[in-house]
Amino acid sequence: MSFLANLFGAKHQYKDEQLVAQAMTAIAADPLIRDPSGLVVTSKKGVITLGGIVAKTQEKDRIEGVVRTALTTVGLKHERLVNELKLARQ
């Protein structure tokens, strides 16, 4: 890291590609998540955003929990997790 980055507080270098890959792997591996192909995970500067449409509130909460657990388990640092998953109209 450069002197200026240290001086102005660029403390964390997040690995956005790894964050997305780990989140998607965890979502795909969970048998209680119905259709992971319709979900989108992005990360920018450590802020992970979950997007897509799910059938139930429980699934929305489950996906967020699965991602949090997966990142913690492998020790990947992130700034925060934003859950923008939407419920399907019934």
PDB file of N, CA and C in Angstrom:
ATOM      1  N   MET A   1       0.843  -1.174   0.000  1.00  0.00           N
ATOM      2  CA  MET A   1       0.000   0.000   0.000  1.00  0.00           C
ATOM      3  C   MET A   1       0.888   1.237   0.000  1.00  0.00           C
ATOM      4  N   SER A   2       0.468   2.247  -0.694  1.00  0.00           N
ATOM      5  CA  SER A   2       1.278   3.451  -0.804  1.00  0.00           C
ATOM      6  C   SER A   2       1.185   4.294   0.464  1.00  0.00           C
ATOM      7  N   PHE A   3       2.106   5.217   0.567  1.00  0.00           N
ATOM      8  CA  PHE A   3       2.131   6.128   1.703  1.00  0.00           C
ATOM      9  C   PHE A   3       0.830   6.918   1.803  1.00  0.00           C
ATOM     10  N   LEU A   4       0.334   7.423   0.676  1.00  0.00           N
ATOM     11  CA  LEU A   4      -0.905   8.212   0.691  1.00  0.00           C
ATOM     12  C   LEU A   4      -2.104   7.373   1.114  1.00  0.00           C
ATOM     13  N   ALA A   5      -2.152   6.130   0.677  1.00  0.00           N
ATOM     14  CA  ALA A   5      -3.256   5.256   1.076  1.00  0.00           C
ATOM     15  C   ALA A   5      -3.230   5.034   2.586  1.00  0.00           C
ATOM     16  N   ASN A   6      -2.053   4.843   3.143  1.00  0.00           N
ATOM     17  CA  ASN A   6      -1.935   4.683   4.591  1.00  0.00           C
ATOM     18  C   ASN A   6      -2.324   5.967   5.311  1.00  0.00           C
ATOM     19  N   LEU A   7      -1.894   7.097   4.788  1.00  0.00           N
ATOM     20  CA  LEU A   7      -2.155   8.385   5.398  1.00  0.00           C
ATOM     21  C   LEU A   7      -3.644   8.719   5.414  1.00  0.00           C
ATOM     22  N   PHE A   8      -4.341   8.423   4.344  1.00  0.00           N
ATOM     23  CA  PHE A   8      -5.747   8.799   4.233  1.00  0.00           C
ATOM     24  C   PHE A   8      -6.715   7.681   4.602  1.00  0.00           C
ATOM     25  N   GLY A   9      -6.236   6.667   5.266  1.00  0.00           N
ATOM     26  CA  GLY A   9      -7.114   5.693   5.873  1.00  0.00           C
ATOM     27  C   GLY A   9      -7.626   4.575   4.993  1.00  0.00           C
ATOM     28  N   ALA A  10      -6.977   4.266   3.899  1.00  0.00           N
ATOM     29  CA  ALA A  10      -7.402   3.119   3.092  1.00  0.00           C
ATOM     30  C   ALA A  10      -6.893   1.865   3.793  1.00  0.00           C
ATOM     31  N   LYS A  11      -7.576   1.492   4.874  1.00  0.00           N
ATOM     32  CA  LYS A  11      -7.103   0.433   5.750  1.00  0.00           C
ATOM     33  C   LYS A  11      -7.387  -0.957   5.194  1.00  0.00           C
ATOM     34  N   HIS A  12      -8.538  -1.125   4.597  1.00  0.00           N
ATOM     35  CA  HIS A  12      -8.944  -2.460   4.177  1.00  0.00           C
ATOM     36  C   HIS A  12      -8.940  -2.584   2.659  1.00  0.00           C
ATOM     37  N   GLN A  13      -8.348  -3.632   2.212  1.00  0.00           N
ATOM     38  CA  GLN A  13      -8.427  -3.997   0.805  1.00  0.00           C
ATOM     39  C   GLN A  13      -9.296  -5.246   0.745  1.00  0.00           C
ATOM     40  N   TYR A  14     -10.513  -5.090   0.297  1.00  0.00           N
ATOM     41  CA  TYR A  14     -11.432  -6.214   0.244  1.00  0.00           C
ATOM     42  C   TYR A  14     -11.239  -6.996  -1.044  1.00  0.00           C
ATOM     43  N   LYS A  15     -11.435  -8.279  -0.969  1.00  0.00           N
ATOM     44  CA  LYS A  15     -11.292  -9.163  -2.118  1.00  0.00           C
ATOM     45  C   LYS A  15     -12.686  -9.440  -2.675  1.00  0.00           C
ATOM     46  N   ASP A  16     -13.187  -8.491  -3.456  1.00  0.00           N
ATOM     47  CA  ASP A  16     -14.565  -8.557  -3.933  1.00  0.00           C
ATOM     48  C   ASP A  16     -14.862  -9.836  -4.715  1.00  0.00           C
ATOM     49  N   GLU A  17     -13.941 -10.247  -5.574  1.00  0.00           N
ATOM     50  CA  GLU A  17     -14.179 -11.457  -6.373  1.00  0.00           C
ATOM     51  C   GLU A  17     -14.312 -12.687  -5.476  1.00  0.00           C
ATOM     52  N   GLN A  18     -13.484 -12.761  -4.452  1.00  0.00           N
ATOM     53  CA  GLN A  18     -13.550 -13.891  -3.523  1.00  0.00           C
ATOM     54  C   GLN A  18     -14.827 -13.844  -2.696  1.00  0.00           C
ATOM     55  N   LEU A  19     -15.243 -12.652  -2.295  1.00  0.00           N
ATOM     56  CA  LEU A  19     -16.476 -12.510  -1.533  1.00  0.00           C
ATOM     57  C   LEU A  19     -17.669 -13.018  -2.333  1.00  0.00           C
ATOM     58  N   VAL A  20     -17.750 -12.621  -3.594  1.00  0.00           N
ATOM     59  CA  VAL A  20     -18.856 -13.051  -4.458  1.00  0.00           C
ATOM     60  C   VAL A  20     -18.800 -14.559  -4.681  1.00  0.00           C
ATOM     61  N   ALA A  21     -17.622 -15.075  -4.986  1.00  0.00           N
ATOM     62  CA  ALA A  21     -17.477 -16.511  -5.244  1.00  0.00           C
ATOM     63  C   ALA A  21     -17.869 -17.334  -4.022  1.00  0.00           C
ATOM     64  N   GLN A  22     -17.423 -16.924  -2.855  1.00  0.00           N
ATOM     65  CA  GLN A  22     -17.745 -17.671  -1.630  1.00  0.00           C
ATOM     66  C   GLN A  22     -19.243 -17.610  -1.339  1.00  0.00           C
ATOM     67  N   ALA A  23     -19.836 -16.443  -1.514  1.00  0.00           N
ATOM     68  CA  ALA A  23     -21.271 -16.291  -1.271  1.00  0.00           C
ATOM     69  C   ALA A  23     -22.086 -17.161  -2.217  1.00  0.00           C
ATOM     70  N   MET A  24     -21.742 -17.140  -3.505  1.00  0.00           N
ATOM     71  CA  MET A  24     -22.479 -17.927  -4.493  1.00  0.00           C
ATOM     72  C   MET A  24     -22.308 -19.432  -4.264  1.00  0.00           C
ATOM     73  N   THR A  25     -21.119 -19.841  -3.887  1.00  0.00           N
ATOM     74  CA  THR A  25     -20.873 -21.253  -3.592  1.00  0.00           C
ATOM     75  C   THR A  25     -21.721 -21.707  -2.409  1.00  0.00           C
ATOM     76  N   ALA A  26     -21.773 -20.891  -1.371  1.00  0.00           N
ATOM     77  CA  ALA A  26     -22.556 -21.238  -0.184  1.00  0.00           C
ATOM     78  C   ALA A  26     -24.048 -21.300  -0.505  1.00  0.00           C
ATOM     79  N   ILE A  27     -24.531 -20.365  -1.297  1.00  0.00           N
ATOM     80  CA  ILE A  27     -25.952 -20.347  -1.679  1.00  0.00           C
ATOM     81  C   ILE A  27     -26.287 -21.591  -2.502  1.00  0.00           C
ATOM     82  N   ALA A  28     -25.435 -21.917  -3.462  1.00  0.00           N
ATOM     83  CA  ALA A  28     -25.689 -23.070  -4.334  1.00  0.00           C
ATOM     84  C   ALA A  28     -25.645 -24.387  -3.561  1.00  0.00           C
ATOM     85  N   ALA A  29     -24.844 -24.443  -2.507  1.00  0.00           N
ATOM     86  CA  ALA A  29     -24.685 -25.680  -1.739  1.00  0.00           C
ATOM     87  C   ALA A  29     -25.809 -25.916  -0.736  1.00  0.00           C
ATOM     88  N   ASP A  30     -26.592 -24.901  -0.436  1.00  0.00           N
ATOM     89  CA  ASP A  30     -27.643 -25.044   0.576  1.00  0.00           C
ATOM     90  C   ASP A  30     -28.884 -25.692  -0.042  1.00  0.00           C
ATOM     91  N   PRO A  31     -29.285 -26.858   0.450  1.00  0.00           N
ATOM     92  CA  PRO A  31     -30.435 -27.554  -0.135  1.00  0.00           C
ATOM     93  C   PRO A  31     -31.783 -26.882   0.145  1.00  0.00           C
ATOM     94  N   LEU A  32     -31.829 -25.977   1.097  1.00  0.00           N
ATOM     95  CA  LEU A  32     -33.092 -25.305   1.425  1.00  0.00           C
ATOM     96  C   LEU A  32     -33.355 -24.064   0.583  1.00  0.00           C
ATOM     97  N   ILE A  33     -32.389 -23.680  -0.236  1.00  0.00           N
ATOM     98  CA  ILE A  33     -32.574 -22.540  -1.136  1.00  0.00           C
ATOM     99  C   ILE A  33     -33.040 -23.097  -2.473  1.00  0.00           C
ATOM    100  N   ARG A  34     -34.265 -22.746  -2.856  1.00  0.00           N
ATOM    101  CA  ARG A  34     -34.928 -23.369  -4.010  1.00  0.00           C
ATOM    102  C   ARG A  34     -34.212 -23.173  -5.335  1.00  0.00           C
ATOM    103  N   ASP A  35     -34.037 -21.940  -5.758  1.00  0.00           N
ATOM    104  CA  ASP A  35     -33.484 -21.689  -7.090  1.00  0.00           C
ATOM    105  C   ASP A  35     -32.387 -20.626  -7.026  1.00  0.00           C
ATOM    106  N   PRO A  36     -31.158 -21.041  -6.737  1.00  0.00           N
ATOM    107  CA  PRO A  36     -30.078 -20.067  -6.623  1.00  0.00           C
ATOM    108  C   PRO A  36     -29.707 -19.402  -7.943  1.00  0.00           C
ATOM    109  N   SER A  37     -30.136 -19.973  -9.071  1.00  0.00           N
ATOM    110  CA  SER A  37     -29.762 -19.400 -10.363  1.00  0.00           C
ATOM    111  C   SER A  37     -30.388 -18.024 -10.593  1.00  0.00           C
ATOM    112  N   GLY A  38     -31.464 -17.713  -9.889  1.00  0.00           N
ATOM    113  CA  GLY A  38     -32.119 -16.422 -10.039  1.00  0.00           C
ATOM    114  C   GLY A  38     -31.588 -15.348  -9.097  1.00  0.00           C
ATOM    115  N   LEU A  39     -30.556 -15.679  -8.349  1.00  0.00           N
ATOM    116  CA  LEU A  39     -30.000 -14.735  -7.380  1.00  0.00           C
ATOM    117  C   LEU A  39     -28.740 -14.083  -7.928  1.00  0.00           C
ATOM    118  N   VAL A  40     -28.512 -12.850  -7.496  1.00  0.00           N
ATOM    119  CA  VAL A  40     -27.340 -12.097  -7.927  1.00  0.00           C
ATOM    120  C   VAL A  40     -26.601 -11.618  -6.683  1.00  0.00           C
ATOM    121  N   VAL A  41     -25.301 -11.851  -6.666  1.00  0.00           N
ATOM    122  CA  VAL A  41     -24.457 -11.372  -5.576  1.00  0.00           C
ATOM    123  C   VAL A  41     -23.385 -10.486  -6.193  1.00  0.00           C
ATOM    124  N   THR A  42     -23.265  -9.269  -5.663  1.00  0.00           N
ATOM    125  CA  THR A  42     -22.209  -8.360  -6.106  1.00  0.00           C
ATOM    126  C   THR A  42     -21.449  -7.856  -4.883  1.00  0.00           C
ATOM    127  N   SER A  43     -20.254  -7.360  -5.114  1.00  0.00           N
ATOM    128  CA  SER A  43     -19.465  -6.781  -4.035  1.00  0.00           C
ATOM    129  C   SER A  43     -18.620  -5.649  -4.591  1.00  0.00           C
ATOM    130  N   LYS A  44     -18.660  -4.540  -3.902  1.00  0.00           N
ATOM    131  CA  LYS A  44     -17.837  -3.388  -4.279  1.00  0.00           C
ATOM    132  C   LYS A  44     -17.263  -2.792  -3.002  1.00  0.00           C
ATOM    133  N   LYS A  45     -15.945  -2.812  -2.926  1.00  0.00           N
ATOM    134  CA  LYS A  45     -15.225  -2.307  -1.761  1.00  0.00           C
ATOM    135  C   LYS A  45     -15.716  -2.953  -0.475  1.00  0.00           C
ATOM    136  N   GLY A  46     -16.006  -4.250  -0.563  1.00  0.00           N
ATOM    137  CA  GLY A  46     -16.392  -4.999   0.624  1.00  0.00           C
ATOM    138  C   GLY A  46     -17.855  -4.918   1.002  1.00  0.00           C
ATOM    139  N   VAL A  47     -18.648  -4.176   0.241  1.00  0.00           N
ATOM    140  CA  VAL A  47     -20.089  -4.102   0.492  1.00  0.00           C
ATOM    141  C   VAL A  47     -20.761  -5.124  -0.425  1.00  0.00           C
ATOM    142  N   ILE A  48     -21.290  -6.168   0.176  1.00  0.00           N
ATOM    143  CA  ILE A  48     -21.907  -7.262  -0.573  1.00  0.00           C
ATOM    144  C   ILE A  48     -23.398  -6.983  -0.685  1.00  0.00           C
ATOM    145  N   THR A  49     -23.925  -7.110  -1.902  1.00  0.00           N
ATOM    146  CA  THR A  49     -25.350  -6.900  -2.141  1.00  0.00           C
ATOM    147  C   THR A  49     -25.961  -8.183  -2.678  1.00  0.00           C
ATOM    148  N   LEU A  50     -27.053  -8.601  -2.033  1.00  0.00           N
ATOM    149  CA  LEU A  50     -27.810  -9.770  -2.471  1.00  0.00           C
ATOM    150  C   LEU A  50     -29.031  -9.277  -3.230  1.00  0.00           C
ATOM    151  N   GLY A  51     -29.250  -9.795  -4.424  1.00  0.00           N
ATOM    152  CA  GLY A  51     -30.392  -9.390  -5.231  1.00  0.00           C
ATOM    153  C   GLY A  51     -31.087 -10.584  -5.853  1.00  0.00           C
ATOM    154  N   GLY A  52     -32.322 -10.356  -6.270  1.00  0.00           N
ATOM    155  CA  GLY A  52     -33.099 -11.406  -6.905  1.00  0.00           C
ATOM    156  C   GLY A  52     -34.476 -11.512  -6.275  1.00  0.00           C
ATOM    157  N   ILE A  53     -35.218 -12.534  -6.684  1.00  0.00           N
ATOM    158  CA  ILE A  53     -36.579 -12.724  -6.197  1.00  0.00           C
ATOM    159  C   ILE A  53     -36.664 -14.089  -5.522  1.00  0.00           C
ATOM    160  N   VAL A  54     -37.257 -14.111  -4.342  1.00  0.00           N
ATOM    161  CA  VAL A  54     -37.445 -15.354  -3.596  1.00  0.00           C
ATOM    162  C   VAL A  54     -38.925 -15.532  -3.278  1.00  0.00           C
ATOM    163  N   ALA A  55     -39.295 -16.759  -2.942  1.00  0.00           N
ATOM    164  CA  ALA A  55     -40.701 -17.083  -2.715  1.00  0.00           C
ATOM    165  C   ALA A  55     -41.208 -16.663  -1.334  1.00  0.00           C
ATOM    166  N   LYS A  56     -40.363 -16.763  -0.323  1.00  0.00           N
ATOM    167  CA  LYS A  56     -40.810 -16.531   1.052  1.00  0.00           C
ATOM    168  C   LYS A  56     -39.807 -15.687   1.830  1.00  0.00           C
ATOM    169  N   THR A  57     -40.312 -15.042   2.863  1.00  0.00           N
ATOM    170  CA  THR A  57     -39.463 -14.254   3.753  1.00  0.00           C
ATOM    171  C   THR A  57     -38.399 -15.139   4.396  1.00  0.00           C
ATOM    172  N   GLN A  58     -38.774 -16.368   4.740  1.00  0.00           N
ATOM    173  CA  GLN A  58     -37.828 -17.297   5.364  1.00  0.00           C
ATOM    174  C   GLN A  58     -36.641 -17.577   4.451  1.00  0.00           C
ATOM    175  N   GLU A  59     -36.901 -17.681   3.156  1.00  0.00           N
ATOM    176  CA  GLU A  59     -35.817 -17.939   2.209  1.00  0.00           C
ATOM    177  C   GLU A  59     -34.891 -16.723   2.114  1.00  0.00           C
ATOM    178  N   LYS A  60     -35.471 -15.544   2.133  1.00  0.00           N
ATOM    179  CA  LYS A  60     -34.694 -14.302   2.106  1.00  0.00           C
ATOM    180  C   LYS A  60     -33.748 -14.256   3.309  1.00  0.00           C
ATOM    181  N   ASP A  61     -34.282 -14.551   4.472  1.00  0.00           N
ATOM    182  CA  ASP A  61     -33.476 -14.550   5.694  1.00  0.00           C
ATOM    183  C   ASP A  61     -32.432 -15.664   5.675  1.00  0.00           C
ATOM    184  N   ARG A  62     -32.824 -16.819   5.163  1.00  0.00           N
ATOM    185  CA  ARG A  62     -31.915 -17.967   5.093  1.00  0.00           C
ATOM    186  C   ARG A  62     -30.709 -17.635   4.217  1.00  0.00           C
ATOM    187  N   ILE A  63     -30.946 -17.038   3.059  1.00  0.00           N
ATOM    188  CA  ILE A  63     -29.856 -16.705   2.143  1.00  0.00           C
ATOM    189  C   ILE A  63     -28.871 -15.752   2.810  1.00  0.00           C
ATOM    190  N   GLU A  64     -29.389 -14.739   3.469  1.00  0.00           N
ATOM    191  CA  GLU A  64     -28.503 -13.799   4.161  1.00  0.00           C
ATOM    192  C   GLU A  64     -27.670 -14.520   5.226  1.00  0.00           C
ATOM    193  N   GLY A  65     -28.303 -15.384   5.988  1.00  0.00           N
ATOM    194  CA  GLY A  65     -27.595 -16.125   7.035  1.00  0.00           C
ATOM    195  C   GLY A  65     -26.534 -17.055   6.478  1.00  0.00           C
ATOM    196  N   VAL A  66     -26.861 -17.734   5.378  1.00  0.00           N
ATOM    197  CA  VAL A  66     -25.909 -18.649   4.738  1.00  0.00           C
ATOM    198  C   VAL A  66     -24.678 -17.883   4.268  1.00  0.00           C
ATOM    199  N   VAL A  67     -24.882 -16.731   3.675  1.00  0.00           N
ATOM    200  CA  VAL A  67     -23.754 -15.928   3.182  1.00  0.00           C
ATOM    201  C   VAL A  67     -22.906 -15.427   4.348  1.00  0.00           C
ATOM    202  N   ARG A  68     -23.552 -14.901   5.382  1.00  0.00           N
ATOM    203  CA  ARG A  68     -22.793 -14.416   6.551  1.00  0.00           C
ATOM    204  C   ARG A  68     -21.949 -15.530   7.159  1.00  0.00           C
ATOM    205  N   THR A  69     -22.556 -16.691   7.341  1.00  0.00           N
ATOM    206  CA  THR A  69     -21.844 -17.822   7.931  1.00  0.00           C
ATOM    207  C   THR A  69     -20.678 -18.264   7.066  1.00  0.00           C
ATOM    208  N   ALA A  70     -20.897 -18.335   5.755  1.00  0.00           N
ATOM    209  CA  ALA A  70     -19.837 -18.772   4.840  1.00  0.00           C
ATOM    210  C   ALA A  70     -18.642 -17.828   4.890  1.00  0.00           C
ATOM    211  N   LEU A  71     -18.893 -16.535   4.897  1.00  0.00           N
ATOM    212  CA  LEU A  71     -17.798 -15.564   4.907  1.00  0.00           C
ATOM    213  C   LEU A  71     -17.037 -15.607   6.229  1.00  0.00           C
ATOM    214  N   THR A  72     -17.772 -15.754   7.316  1.00  0.00           N
ATOM    215  CA  THR A  72     -17.142 -15.827   8.635  1.00  0.00           C
ATOM    216  C   THR A  72     -16.308 -17.097   8.764  1.00  0.00           C
ATOM    217  N   THR A  73     -16.839 -18.198   8.274  1.00  0.00           N
ATOM    218  CA  THR A  73     -16.159 -19.489   8.380  1.00  0.00           C
ATOM    219  C   THR A  73     -14.802 -19.487   7.686  1.00  0.00           C
ATOM    220  N   VAL A  74     -14.727 -18.875   6.516  1.00  0.00           N
ATOM    221  CA  VAL A  74     -13.449 -18.852   5.789  1.00  0.00           C
ATOM    222  C   VAL A  74     -12.605 -17.626   6.127  1.00  0.00           C
ATOM    223  N   GLY A  75     -13.124 -16.735   6.942  1.00  0.00           N
ATOM    224  CA  GLY A  75     -12.353 -15.579   7.395  1.00  0.00           C
ATOM    225  C   GLY A  75     -12.223 -14.453   6.393  1.00  0.00           C
ATOM    226  N   LEU A  76     -13.179 -14.349   5.460  1.00  0.00           N
ATOM    227  CA  LEU A  76     -13.135 -13.238   4.504  1.00  0.00           C
ATOM    228  C   LEU A  76     -13.747 -11.988   5.138  1.00  0.00           C
ATOM    229  N   LYS A  77     -12.985 -10.930   5.152  1.00  0.00           N
ATOM    230  CA  LYS A  77     -13.460  -9.661   5.707  1.00  0.00           C
ATOM    231  C   LYS A  77     -14.348  -8.947   4.701  1.00  0.00           C
ATOM    232  N   HIS A  78     -15.405  -8.339   5.221  1.00  0.00           N
ATOM    233  CA  HIS A  78     -16.272  -7.522   4.370  1.00  0.00           C
ATOM    234  C   HIS A  78     -16.769  -6.343   5.185  1.00  0.00           C
ATOM    235  N   GLU A  79     -17.181  -5.306   4.485  1.00  0.00           N
ATOM    236  CA  GLU A  79     -17.653  -4.082   5.133  1.00  0.00           C
ATOM    237  C   GLU A  79     -19.055  -4.290   5.701  1.00  0.00           C
ATOM    238  N   ARG A  80     -19.983  -4.714   4.838  1.00  0.00           N
ATOM    239  CA  ARG A  80     -21.357  -4.995   5.282  1.00  0.00           C
ATOM    240  C   ARG A  80     -22.079  -5.807   4.217  1.00  0.00           C
ATOM    241  N   LEU A  81     -23.246  -6.305   4.598  1.00  0.00           N
ATOM    242  CA  LEU A  81     -24.065  -7.120   3.711  1.00  0.00           C
ATOM    243  C   LEU A  81     -25.408  -6.431   3.541  1.00  0.00           C
ATOM    244  N   VAL A  82     -25.784  -6.165   2.301  1.00  0.00           N
ATOM    245  CA  VAL A  82     -27.038  -5.494   1.993  1.00  0.00           C
ATOM    246  C   VAL A  82     -27.978  -6.512   1.352  1.00  0.00           C
ATOM    247  N   ASN A  83     -29.113  -6.757   2.002  1.00  0.00           N
ATOM    248  CA  ASN A  83     -30.073  -7.749   1.512  1.00  0.00           C
ATOM    249  C   ASN A  83     -31.172  -7.011   0.732  1.00  0.00           C
ATOM    250  N   GLU A  84     -31.077  -7.065  -0.592  1.00  0.00           N
ATOM    251  CA  GLU A  84     -32.072  -6.438  -1.454  1.00  0.00           C
ATOM    252  C   GLU A  84     -32.939  -7.492  -2.143  1.00  0.00           C
ATOM    253  N   LEU A  85     -33.011  -8.679  -1.563  1.00  0.00           N
ATOM    254  CA  LEU A  85     -33.862  -9.727  -2.122  1.00  0.00           C
ATOM    255  C   LEU A  85     -35.322  -9.305  -2.011  1.00  0.00           C
ATOM    256  N   LYS A  86     -36.086  -9.574  -3.053  1.00  0.00           N
ATOM    257  CA  LYS A  86     -37.503  -9.202  -3.097  1.00  0.00           C
ATOM    258  C   LYS A  86     -38.372 -10.449  -3.038  1.00  0.00           C
ATOM    259  N   LEU A  87     -39.556 -10.300  -2.478  1.00  0.00           N
ATOM    260  CA  LEU A  87     -40.512 -11.390  -2.439  1.00  0.00           C
ATOM    261  C   LEU A  87     -41.318 -11.420  -3.717  1.00  0.00           C
ATOM    262  N   ALA A  88     -41.554 -12.619  -4.241  1.00  0.00           N
ATOM    263  CA  ALA A  88     -42.365 -12.789  -5.438  1.00  0.00           C
ATOM    264  C   ALA A  88     -43.813 -12.445  -5.100  1.00  0.00           C
ATOM    265  N   ARG A  89     -44.496 -11.840  -6.035  1.00  0.00           N
ATOM    266  CA  ARG A  89     -45.926 -11.546  -5.833  1.00  0.00           C
ATOM    267  C   ARG A  89     -46.690 -12.847  -5.902  1.00  0.00           C
ATOM    268  N   GLN A  90     -47.660 -12.967  -5.019  1.00  0.00           N
ATOM    269  CA  GLN A  90     -48.404 -14.226  -4.978  1.00  0.00           C
ATOM    270  C   GLN A  90     -49.806 -14.050  -5.463  1.00  0.00           C
TER     271      GLN A  90
END
